[in-house]
Every structure is written in C-alpha cells, then in structure tokens.
Amino acid sequence: MTIAVAGGTGTVGRHVVATARERGHHVVSLSRAEGVDLVSGRGLDQALQDVDTVIDVSGIQVLSTKKAVDFFTNATQNLLAAGKKAGVKHHVALSIVGIDKANSGLYAGKLVQEDEVRHGGVPWTILRSTQFHEFVPMSIKAASVGPLLLVPMMVTQPVAAKEVAAALVDAAEARPRGRIPDIGGPRTEQLKGLVAAYLAKTRQKKRIVPLHVPGPMGRAMRTGALIPAPGSAVGRQTFLEWLDAA
C-alpha cells in the first residue's frame, strides 16, 4: 500500500513514516521541507498521485484559537480535496482526547479538523490521543520565564508517540471505521510531577509555579476531562520509562 503522511517530519509523523516502512508500505512524507504546503495546497496534487491512504498528523504550535482554526480548516480541506482528486480510498486523522470539552486554542482547531474529515467525501478514521511524553519538554520550553516555570494544573495520561504511530498505521491497514477508541498512556499523572521529573533528569534548575488556567480549558485540565474514558486503548511505556530511555 502507498501511504502519504501529512506532517511526516513531526513528533509522531517520523514514527508513522518509520513504522509504515518497516511493515513494507511505500511511504510519501508530506511536509514543507519536502515541497508540500498543506495550508496553500502547493505540491499536494503531485504528492498524492497513486496514494491509497493518507495519515494526517500535521499540526501547529499556537495558543490562538483563530490561528489554530484557520490552519486546520485550510490544511484539512486542501488535503481532502487533493485526496478525492487522486482517488485516495482512506483518510486517517490524529486528533486529541477531550477536545469537545475544551474547545479553545489547538483543541478548537482539532474540532474543526474532525468536522472537515467527517464531511470531506473520503472514507475516514479518526484516532484521538492524549498528550505525548514529548509534551513535557515542549511545555517547559514554552512556559519558562527566566528561572521560573509556569506549569498548568493538569491531570494527564501521557502516551508514547511511537505507540500512537503504530495505532495509526494499524488504522490505515484496516478499513475506514469512523471514530475508533481513544488511546492514552498506562498511567494517570499530574503534569507538575512529570515536569519535576524531567527537570531533575536533565539537571535544570527552575522553580515550578503552578498555574490555574481559567475557563472551560482550565477546568477540563484540572478535572481529568482530557484523559480517555474506560475502554480506550492503553499504551505500554510510562513517562518515566520514556525519560530513562531518552
């Protein structure tokens, strides 16, 4: 099977590309570095020629709801339109657990993406995942103010990006199934504890300042609304195991 991976050079995308190739699939990676711009549509028609399945793990790191919505609207519409034109038979999209309970910022963009996929005219599968282990160092980089580190009060269930990638390739190899069970990591954690462990491991001296995020997003983060419901798929690698191996 020929699989195109949108966002193939990203945190999950590189694992999707590697896993699909290990399983014997021909893989086309879609990224700006490879001459494809999802937002403008540049290079998509040519890149999707003879592609059977698209796995979309593209993303954007923004806090702005408008920027997130604009990105996922344009990128998804372009990807689906080019896919229909090329005869793509299956569109697999990665989304985020709990986006319907905290619809701002990136989560609002993902809600729009899911809606576009459902109505895009290409048979589809959507997998929602919790945050990846890599979310912790990314949040440290984004929330550091000198020696201070602002850490949102958040219940999380981080999962290995490699395990999410394997689940996405599994989905690509199966028939289109709509929303499939969410996936999360093996343990429920407090984000503050994960951040502290990462700082200790990497010998960074920062003072953690707990941040009470207001509104529906903050409430969802604190109450565990962003972790998978019972019956969801569960990864194997814990955050500490990932940290030891990093």
C-alpha atoms as a PDB file:
ATOM      1  CA  MET A   1       0.000   0.000   0.000  1.00  0.00           C
ATOM      2  CA  THR A   2       1.131   3.554  -0.676  1.00  0.00           C
ATOM      3  CA  ILE A   3       0.647   5.813   2.347  1.00  0.00           C
ATOM      4  CA  ALA A   4       1.076   9.577   2.431  1.00  0.00           C
ATOM      5  CA  VAL A   5       1.899  11.025   5.858  1.00  0.00           C
ATOM      6  CA  ALA A   6       0.963  14.672   6.347  1.00  0.00           C
ATOM      7  CA  GLY A   7       3.345  16.089   8.915  1.00  0.00           C
ATOM      8  CA  GLY A   8       5.773  13.258   8.289  1.00  0.00           C
ATOM      9  CA  THR A   9       8.725  15.017   9.909  1.00  0.00           C
ATOM     10  CA  GLY A  10       6.976  15.861  13.204  1.00  0.00           C
ATOM     11  CA  THR A  11       6.936  14.240  16.641  1.00  0.00           C
ATOM     12  CA  VAL A  12       4.502  11.490  15.633  1.00  0.00           C
ATOM     13  CA  GLY A  13       4.939  11.738  11.893  1.00  0.00           C
ATOM     14  CA  ARG A  14       8.513  10.490  11.838  1.00  0.00           C
ATOM     15  CA  HIS A  15       7.413   7.396  13.774  1.00  0.00           C
ATOM     16  CA  VAL A  16       4.468   6.853  11.414  1.00  0.00           C
ATOM     17  CA  VAL A  17       6.803   7.015   8.426  1.00  0.00           C
ATOM     18  CA  ALA A  18       9.277   4.600  10.018  1.00  0.00           C
ATOM     19  CA  THR A  19       6.608   2.143  11.200  1.00  0.00           C
ATOM     20  CA  ALA A  20       4.819   2.066   7.842  1.00  0.00           C
ATOM     21  CA  ARG A  21       8.079   1.455   6.003  1.00  0.00           C
ATOM     22  CA  GLU A  22       9.045  -1.295   8.437  1.00  0.00           C
ATOM     23  CA  ARG A  23       5.763  -3.007   7.571  1.00  0.00           C
ATOM     24  CA  GLY A  24       6.567  -2.898   3.878  1.00  0.00           C
ATOM     25  CA  HIS A  25       4.449   0.037   2.756  1.00  0.00           C
ATOM     26  CA  HIS A  26       5.598   2.669   0.290  1.00  0.00           C
ATOM     27  CA  VAL A  27       5.534   5.983   2.161  1.00  0.00           C
ATOM     28  CA  VAL A  28       5.332   9.542   0.890  1.00  0.00           C
ATOM     29  CA  SER A  29       6.090  12.162   3.548  1.00  0.00           C
ATOM     30  CA  LEU A  30       4.258  15.478   3.159  1.00  0.00           C
ATOM     31  CA  SER A  31       5.961  18.498   4.697  1.00  0.00           C
ATOM     32  CA  ARG A  32       7.261  21.905   3.680  1.00  0.00           C
ATOM     33  CA  ALA A  33      10.781  20.519   3.748  1.00  0.00           C
ATOM     34  CA  GLU A  34       9.674  18.058   1.083  1.00  0.00           C
ATOM     35  CA  GLY A  35       7.978  20.666  -1.105  1.00  0.00           C
ATOM     36  CA  VAL A  36       4.400  20.318   0.143  1.00  0.00           C
ATOM     37  CA  ASP A  37       2.481  23.136   1.857  1.00  0.00           C
ATOM     38  CA  LEU A  38      -0.807  21.943   3.334  1.00  0.00           C
ATOM     39  CA  VAL A  39      -2.141  25.442   4.008  1.00  0.00           C
ATOM     40  CA  SER A  40      -1.683  26.712   0.453  1.00  0.00           C
ATOM     41  CA  GLY A  41      -2.059  23.297  -1.172  1.00  0.00           C
ATOM     42  CA  ARG A  42       1.253  23.650  -3.003  1.00  0.00           C
ATOM     43  CA  GLY A  43       2.594  20.304  -4.182  1.00  0.00           C
ATOM     44  CA  LEU A  44      -0.341  18.236  -2.891  1.00  0.00           C
ATOM     45  CA  ASP A  45      -1.787  17.073  -6.199  1.00  0.00           C
ATOM     46  CA  GLN A  46       1.543  15.709  -7.367  1.00  0.00           C
ATOM     47  CA  ALA A  47       2.433  14.184  -3.977  1.00  0.00           C
ATOM     48  CA  LEU A  48      -0.846  12.253  -3.692  1.00  0.00           C
ATOM     49  CA  GLN A  49      -0.665  10.593  -7.099  1.00  0.00           C
ATOM     50  CA  ASP A  50      -1.132   6.801  -6.700  1.00  0.00           C
ATOM     51  CA  VAL A  51      -1.596   7.152  -2.909  1.00  0.00           C
ATOM     52  CA  ASP A  52      -4.044   4.701  -1.336  1.00  0.00           C
ATOM     53  CA  THR A  53      -4.251   6.110   2.195  1.00  0.00           C
ATOM     54  CA  VAL A  54      -3.457   9.427   3.869  1.00  0.00           C
ATOM     55  CA  ILE A  55      -2.449   9.613   7.540  1.00  0.00           C
ATOM     56  CA  ASP A  56      -2.739  13.197   8.765  1.00  0.00           C
ATOM     57  CA  VAL A  57      -0.603  14.011  11.809  1.00  0.00           C
ATOM     58  CA  SER A  58       0.072  17.603  10.791  1.00  0.00           C
ATOM     59  CA  GLY A  59      -0.103  20.297  13.440  1.00  0.00           C
ATOM     60  CA  ILE A  60       0.699  23.793  14.564  1.00  0.00           C
ATOM     61  CA  GLN A  61       2.004  25.087  17.905  1.00  0.00           C
ATOM     62  CA  VAL A  62      -0.149  28.100  18.737  1.00  0.00           C
ATOM     63  CA  LEU A  63      -2.305  29.359  21.601  1.00  0.00           C
ATOM     64  CA  SER A  64      -4.538  31.463  19.350  1.00  0.00           C
ATOM     65  CA  THR A  65      -7.895  29.843  18.604  1.00  0.00           C
ATOM     66  CA  LYS A  66      -8.198  31.719  15.291  1.00  0.00           C
ATOM     67  CA  LYS A  67      -4.771  30.624  14.073  1.00  0.00           C
ATOM     68  CA  ALA A  68      -5.471  27.007  15.020  1.00  0.00           C
ATOM     69  CA  VAL A  69      -8.884  27.008  13.349  1.00  0.00           C
ATOM     70  CA  ASP A  70      -7.520  28.673  10.206  1.00  0.00           C
ATOM     71  CA  PHE A  71      -4.643  26.200   9.939  1.00  0.00           C
ATOM     72  CA  PHE A  72      -6.719  23.044  10.367  1.00  0.00           C
ATOM     73  CA  THR A  73      -9.533  24.336   8.156  1.00  0.00           C
ATOM     74  CA  ASN A  74      -7.243  25.155   5.235  1.00  0.00           C
ATOM     75  CA  ALA A  75      -4.878  22.200   5.638  1.00  0.00           C
ATOM     76  CA  THR A  76      -7.645  19.621   6.002  1.00  0.00           C
ATOM     77  CA  GLN A  77      -9.780  20.980   3.176  1.00  0.00           C
ATOM     78  CA  ASN A  78      -6.777  21.013   0.841  1.00  0.00           C
ATOM     79  CA  LEU A  79      -5.682  17.535   1.875  1.00  0.00           C
ATOM     80  CA  LEU A  80      -9.159  16.063   1.391  1.00  0.00           C
ATOM     81  CA  ALA A  81      -9.760  17.824  -1.927  1.00  0.00           C
ATOM     82  CA  ALA A  82      -6.444  16.633  -3.320  1.00  0.00           C
ATOM     83  CA  GLY A  83      -7.133  13.176  -1.927  1.00  0.00           C
ATOM     84  CA  LYS A  84     -10.513  12.947  -3.669  1.00  0.00           C
ATOM     85  CA  LYS A  85      -8.940  14.114  -6.917  1.00  0.00           C
ATOM     86  CA  ALA A  86      -6.196  11.486  -6.630  1.00  0.00           C
ATOM     87  CA  GLY A  87      -8.582   8.664  -5.712  1.00  0.00           C
ATOM     88  CA  VAL A  88      -7.408   8.211  -2.100  1.00  0.00           C
ATOM     89  CA  LYS A  89      -9.500   5.465  -0.509  1.00  0.00           C
ATOM     90  CA  HIS A  90      -8.919   6.132   3.211  1.00  0.00           C
ATOM     91  CA  HIS A  91      -8.163   9.251   5.254  1.00  0.00           C
ATOM     92  CA  VAL A  92      -6.806   8.657   8.776  1.00  0.00           C
ATOM     93  CA  ALA A  93      -6.579  11.657  11.109  1.00  0.00           C
ATOM     94  CA  LEU A  94      -4.974  12.039  14.511  1.00  0.00           C
ATOM     95  CA  SER A  95      -6.932  14.141  16.998  1.00  0.00           C
ATOM     96  CA  ILE A  96      -6.825  14.872  20.746  1.00  0.00           C
ATOM     97  CA  VAL A  97      -8.764  13.306  23.618  1.00  0.00           C
ATOM     98  CA  GLY A  98     -11.309  15.660  25.189  1.00  0.00           C
ATOM     99  CA  ILE A  99     -11.432  18.368  22.524  1.00  0.00           C
ATOM    100  CA  ASP A 100     -15.210  18.623  22.768  1.00  0.00           C
ATOM    101  CA  LYS A 101     -14.853  19.594  26.447  1.00  0.00           C
ATOM    102  CA  ALA A 102     -12.228  22.312  25.996  1.00  0.00           C
ATOM    103  CA  ASN A 103     -12.837  23.936  22.640  1.00  0.00           C
ATOM    104  CA  SER A 104     -10.279  26.732  22.514  1.00  0.00           C
ATOM    105  CA  GLY A 105      -6.804  27.120  21.055  1.00  0.00           C
ATOM    106  CA  LEU A 106      -5.450  23.970  19.452  1.00  0.00           C
ATOM    107  CA  TYR A 107      -8.473  21.997  20.624  1.00  0.00           C
ATOM    108  CA  ALA A 108     -10.833  24.261  18.659  1.00  0.00           C
ATOM    109  CA  GLY A 109      -8.720  23.671  15.577  1.00  0.00           C
ATOM    110  CA  LYS A 110      -8.914  19.923  16.066  1.00  0.00           C
ATOM    111  CA  LEU A 111     -12.705  20.076  16.375  1.00  0.00           C
ATOM    112  CA  VAL A 112     -12.845  21.830  13.019  1.00  0.00           C
ATOM    113  CA  GLN A 113     -10.456  19.268  11.543  1.00  0.00           C
ATOM    114  CA  GLU A 114     -12.640  16.376  12.685  1.00  0.00           C
ATOM    115  CA  ASP A 115     -15.734  18.016  11.184  1.00  0.00           C
ATOM    116  CA  GLU A 116     -13.971  18.554   7.859  1.00  0.00           C
ATOM    117  CA  VAL A 117     -12.856  14.912   7.800  1.00  0.00           C
ATOM    118  CA  ARG A 118     -16.373  13.639   8.539  1.00  0.00           C
ATOM    119  CA  HIS A 119     -17.813  15.639   5.656  1.00  0.00           C
ATOM    120  CA  GLY A 120     -14.863  15.577   3.267  1.00  0.00           C
ATOM    121  CA  GLY A 121     -16.081  12.862   0.931  1.00  0.00           C
ATOM    122  CA  VAL A 122     -13.204  10.436   1.602  1.00  0.00           C
ATOM    123  CA  PRO A 123     -13.826   7.328   3.773  1.00  0.00           C
ATOM    124  CA  TRP A 124     -12.252   8.121   7.128  1.00  0.00           C
ATOM    125  CA  THR A 125     -10.932   7.026  10.502  1.00  0.00           C
ATOM    126  CA  ILE A 126     -10.212   9.350  13.444  1.00  0.00           C
ATOM    127  CA  LEU A 127      -8.000   8.393  16.390  1.00  0.00           C
ATOM    128  CA  ARG A 128      -7.921  10.663  19.434  1.00  0.00           C
ATOM    129  CA  SER A 129      -4.790  10.521  21.584  1.00  0.00           C
ATOM    130  CA  THR A 130      -3.682  12.050  24.860  1.00  0.00           C
ATOM    131  CA  GLN A 131      -0.542  14.192  25.028  1.00  0.00           C
ATOM    132  CA  PHE A 132       2.723  12.508  24.085  1.00  0.00           C
ATOM    133  CA  HIS A 133       5.625  12.159  26.503  1.00  0.00           C
ATOM    134  CA  GLU A 134       7.368  14.824  24.424  1.00  0.00           C
ATOM    135  CA  PHE A 135       4.680  17.294  25.543  1.00  0.00           C
ATOM    136  CA  VAL A 136       6.567  17.775  28.814  1.00  0.00           C
ATOM    137  CA  PRO A 137       9.841  19.186  27.402  1.00  0.00           C
ATOM    138  CA  MET A 138       7.838  21.200  24.878  1.00  0.00           C
ATOM    139  CA  SER A 139       5.777  22.776  27.665  1.00  0.00           C
ATOM    140  CA  ILE A 140       8.920  23.519  29.677  1.00  0.00           C
ATOM    141  CA  LYS A 141      10.439  25.356  26.728  1.00  0.00           C
ATOM    142  CA  ALA A 142       7.252  27.328  26.083  1.00  0.00           C
ATOM    143  CA  ALA A 143       6.458  28.235  29.699  1.00  0.00           C
ATOM    144  CA  SER A 144       9.869  29.189  31.096  1.00  0.00           C
ATOM    145  CA  VAL A 145      10.301  32.774  32.262  1.00  0.00           C
ATOM    146  CA  GLY A 146      13.900  33.060  33.393  1.00  0.00           C
ATOM    147  CA  PRO A 147      14.296  30.775  36.439  1.00  0.00           C
ATOM    148  CA  LEU A 148      10.516  30.396  36.762  1.00  0.00           C
ATOM    149  CA  LEU A 149       8.442  27.717  35.062  1.00  0.00           C
ATOM    150  CA  LEU A 150       4.684  28.153  34.800  1.00  0.00           C
ATOM    151  CA  VAL A 151       3.049  24.715  34.913  1.00  0.00           C
ATOM    152  CA  PRO A 152      -0.720  24.393  34.422  1.00  0.00           C
ATOM    153  CA  MET A 153      -2.600  22.353  36.996  1.00  0.00           C
ATOM    154  CA  MET A 154      -3.413  19.347  34.821  1.00  0.00           C
ATOM    155  CA  VAL A 155      -4.289  15.680  35.062  1.00  0.00           C
ATOM    156  CA  THR A 156      -2.773  13.859  32.115  1.00  0.00           C
ATOM    157  CA  GLN A 157      -2.190  10.336  30.831  1.00  0.00           C
ATOM    158  CA  PRO A 158       0.802  10.696  28.513  1.00  0.00           C
ATOM    159  CA  VAL A 159       1.476   8.147  25.805  1.00  0.00           C
ATOM    160  CA  ALA A 160       4.497   7.249  23.697  1.00  0.00           C
ATOM    161  CA  ALA A 161       4.422   8.893  20.265  1.00  0.00           C
ATOM    162  CA  LYS A 162       5.779   5.660  18.773  1.00  0.00           C
ATOM    163  CA  GLU A 163       2.800   3.714  20.135  1.00  0.00           C
ATOM    164  CA  VAL A 164       0.358   6.256  18.711  1.00  0.00           C
ATOM    165  CA  ALA A 165       2.137   5.953  15.370  1.00  0.00           C
ATOM    166  CA  ALA A 166       1.703   2.177  15.419  1.00  0.00           C
ATOM    167  CA  ALA A 167      -2.019   2.597  16.169  1.00  0.00           C
ATOM    168  CA  LEU A 168      -2.356   4.976  13.217  1.00  0.00           C
ATOM    169  CA  VAL A 169      -0.659   2.537  10.850  1.00  0.00           C
ATOM    170  CA  ASP A 170      -2.933  -0.215  12.217  1.00  0.00           C
ATOM    171  CA  ALA A 171      -5.893   2.006  11.348  1.00  0.00           C
ATOM    172  CA  ALA A 172      -4.528   2.650   7.867  1.00  0.00           C
ATOM    173  CA  GLU A 173      -4.195  -1.074   7.252  1.00  0.00           C
ATOM    174  CA  ALA A 174      -7.820  -1.672   8.284  1.00  0.00           C
ATOM    175  CA  ARG A 175     -10.988  -0.443   6.601  1.00  0.00           C
ATOM    176  CA  PRO A 176     -12.303   3.062   7.373  1.00  0.00           C
ATOM    177  CA  ARG A 177     -14.094   2.882  10.748  1.00  0.00           C
ATOM    178  CA  GLY A 178     -15.020   6.438  11.744  1.00  0.00           C
ATOM    179  CA  ARG A 179     -14.138   7.264  15.364  1.00  0.00           C
ATOM    180  CA  ILE A 180     -12.131   4.432  16.851  1.00  0.00           C
ATOM    181  CA  PRO A 181     -11.339   4.035  20.575  1.00  0.00           C
ATOM    182  CA  ASP A 182      -9.149   6.770  22.034  1.00  0.00           C
ATOM    183  CA  ILE A 183      -5.592   5.954  23.079  1.00  0.00           C
ATOM    184  CA  GLY A 184      -3.711   7.089  26.181  1.00  0.00           C
ATOM    185  CA  GLY A 185      -0.739   6.057  28.242  1.00  0.00           C
ATOM    186  CA  PRO A 186      -0.651   3.454  31.017  1.00  0.00           C
ATOM    187  CA  ARG A 187      -0.758   5.883  33.972  1.00  0.00           C
ATOM    188  CA  THR A 188      -2.703   8.946  35.051  1.00  0.00           C
ATOM    189  CA  GLU A 189      -0.289  11.647  36.205  1.00  0.00           C
ATOM    190  CA  GLN A 190      -0.136  15.228  37.418  1.00  0.00           C
ATOM    191  CA  LEU A 191       1.698  17.385  34.873  1.00  0.00           C
ATOM    192  CA  LYS A 192       3.624  19.102  37.682  1.00  0.00           C
ATOM    193  CA  GLY A 193       5.157  15.772  38.748  1.00  0.00           C
ATOM    194  CA  LEU A 194       6.207  14.930  35.195  1.00  0.00           C
ATOM    195  CA  VAL A 195       7.805  18.338  34.770  1.00  0.00           C
ATOM    196  CA  ALA A 196       9.707  17.957  38.049  1.00  0.00           C
ATOM    197  CA  ALA A 197      10.996  14.545  36.964  1.00  0.00           C
ATOM    198  CA  TYR A 198      12.144  15.918  33.613  1.00  0.00           C
ATOM    199  CA  LEU A 199      13.913  18.866  35.234  1.00  0.00           C
ATOM    200  CA  ALA A 200      15.708  16.537  37.645  1.00  0.00           C
ATOM    201  CA  LYS A 201      16.742  14.172  34.865  1.00  0.00           C
ATOM    202  CA  THR A 202      18.096  16.981  32.691  1.00  0.00           C
ATOM    203  CA  ARG A 203      19.596  18.864  35.664  1.00  0.00           C
ATOM    204  CA  GLN A 204      17.705  22.058  35.018  1.00  0.00           C
ATOM    205  CA  LYS A 205      17.237  24.371  37.982  1.00  0.00           C
ATOM    206  CA  LYS A 206      13.870  26.051  37.684  1.00  0.00           C
ATOM    207  CA  ARG A 207      11.213  26.988  40.190  1.00  0.00           C
ATOM    208  CA  ILE A 208       7.851  25.456  39.305  1.00  0.00           C
ATOM    209  CA  VAL A 209       4.952  27.882  39.658  1.00  0.00           C
ATOM    210  CA  PRO A 210       1.519  26.157  39.495  1.00  0.00           C
ATOM    211  CA  LEU A 211      -0.785  27.913  37.012  1.00  0.00           C
ATOM    212  CA  HIS A 212      -4.564  27.936  37.444  1.00  0.00           C
ATOM    213  CA  VAL A 213      -5.828  28.134  33.857  1.00  0.00           C
ATOM    214  CA  PRO A 214      -9.238  29.860  33.753  1.00  0.00           C
ATOM    215  CA  GLY A 215     -12.349  28.896  31.804  1.00  0.00           C
ATOM    216  CA  PRO A 216     -13.507  25.594  30.303  1.00  0.00           C
ATOM    217  CA  MET A 217      -9.988  24.646  29.213  1.00  0.00           C
ATOM    218  CA  GLY A 218      -8.547  25.011  32.706  1.00  0.00           C
ATOM    219  CA  ARG A 219     -11.460  23.141  34.247  1.00  0.00           C
ATOM    220  CA  ALA A 220     -11.017  20.279  31.775  1.00  0.00           C
ATOM    221  CA  MET A 221      -7.298  20.130  32.539  1.00  0.00           C
ATOM    222  CA  ARG A 222      -7.833  20.005  36.303  1.00  0.00           C
ATOM    223  CA  THR A 223     -10.757  17.574  36.405  1.00  0.00           C
ATOM    224  CA  GLY A 224      -9.349  14.846  34.173  1.00  0.00           C
ATOM    225  CA  ALA A 225     -11.680  15.568  31.251  1.00  0.00           C
ATOM    226  CA  LEU A 226      -8.709  15.271  28.899  1.00  0.00           C
ATOM    227  CA  ILE A 227      -7.909  11.640  29.712  1.00  0.00           C
ATOM    228  CA  PRO A 228      -9.501   8.676  27.926  1.00  0.00           C
ATOM    229  CA  ALA A 229     -12.736   7.072  29.058  1.00  0.00           C
ATOM    230  CA  PRO A 230     -12.771   3.446  30.269  1.00  0.00           C
ATOM    231  CA  GLY A 231     -12.451   1.019  27.375  1.00  0.00           C
ATOM    232  CA  SER A 232      -9.938   3.129  25.483  1.00  0.00           C
ATOM    233  CA  ALA A 233      -6.716   1.741  24.073  1.00  0.00           C
ATOM    234  CA  VAL A 234      -3.788   1.892  26.513  1.00  0.00           C
ATOM    235  CA  GLY A 235      -0.113   2.265  25.646  1.00  0.00           C
ATOM    236  CA  ARG A 236       2.641   0.397  27.476  1.00  0.00           C
ATOM    237  CA  GLN A 237       5.521   2.837  28.000  1.00  0.00           C
ATOM    238  CA  THR A 238       5.252   5.078  31.065  1.00  0.00           C
ATOM    239  CA  PHE A 239       6.642   8.601  31.107  1.00  0.00           C
ATOM    240  CA  LEU A 240       9.490   7.606  33.431  1.00  0.00           C
ATOM    241  CA  GLU A 241      10.423   4.697  31.140  1.00  0.00           C
ATOM    242  CA  TRP A 242      10.473   7.090  28.201  1.00  0.00           C
ATOM    243  CA  LEU A 243      12.571   9.560  30.197  1.00  0.00           C
ATOM    244  CA  ASP A 244      15.086   6.857  31.159  1.00  0.00           C
ATOM    245  CA  ALA A 245      15.406   5.852  27.514  1.00  0.00           C
ATOM    246  CA  ALA A 246      15.619   9.399  26.146  1.00  0.00           C
END
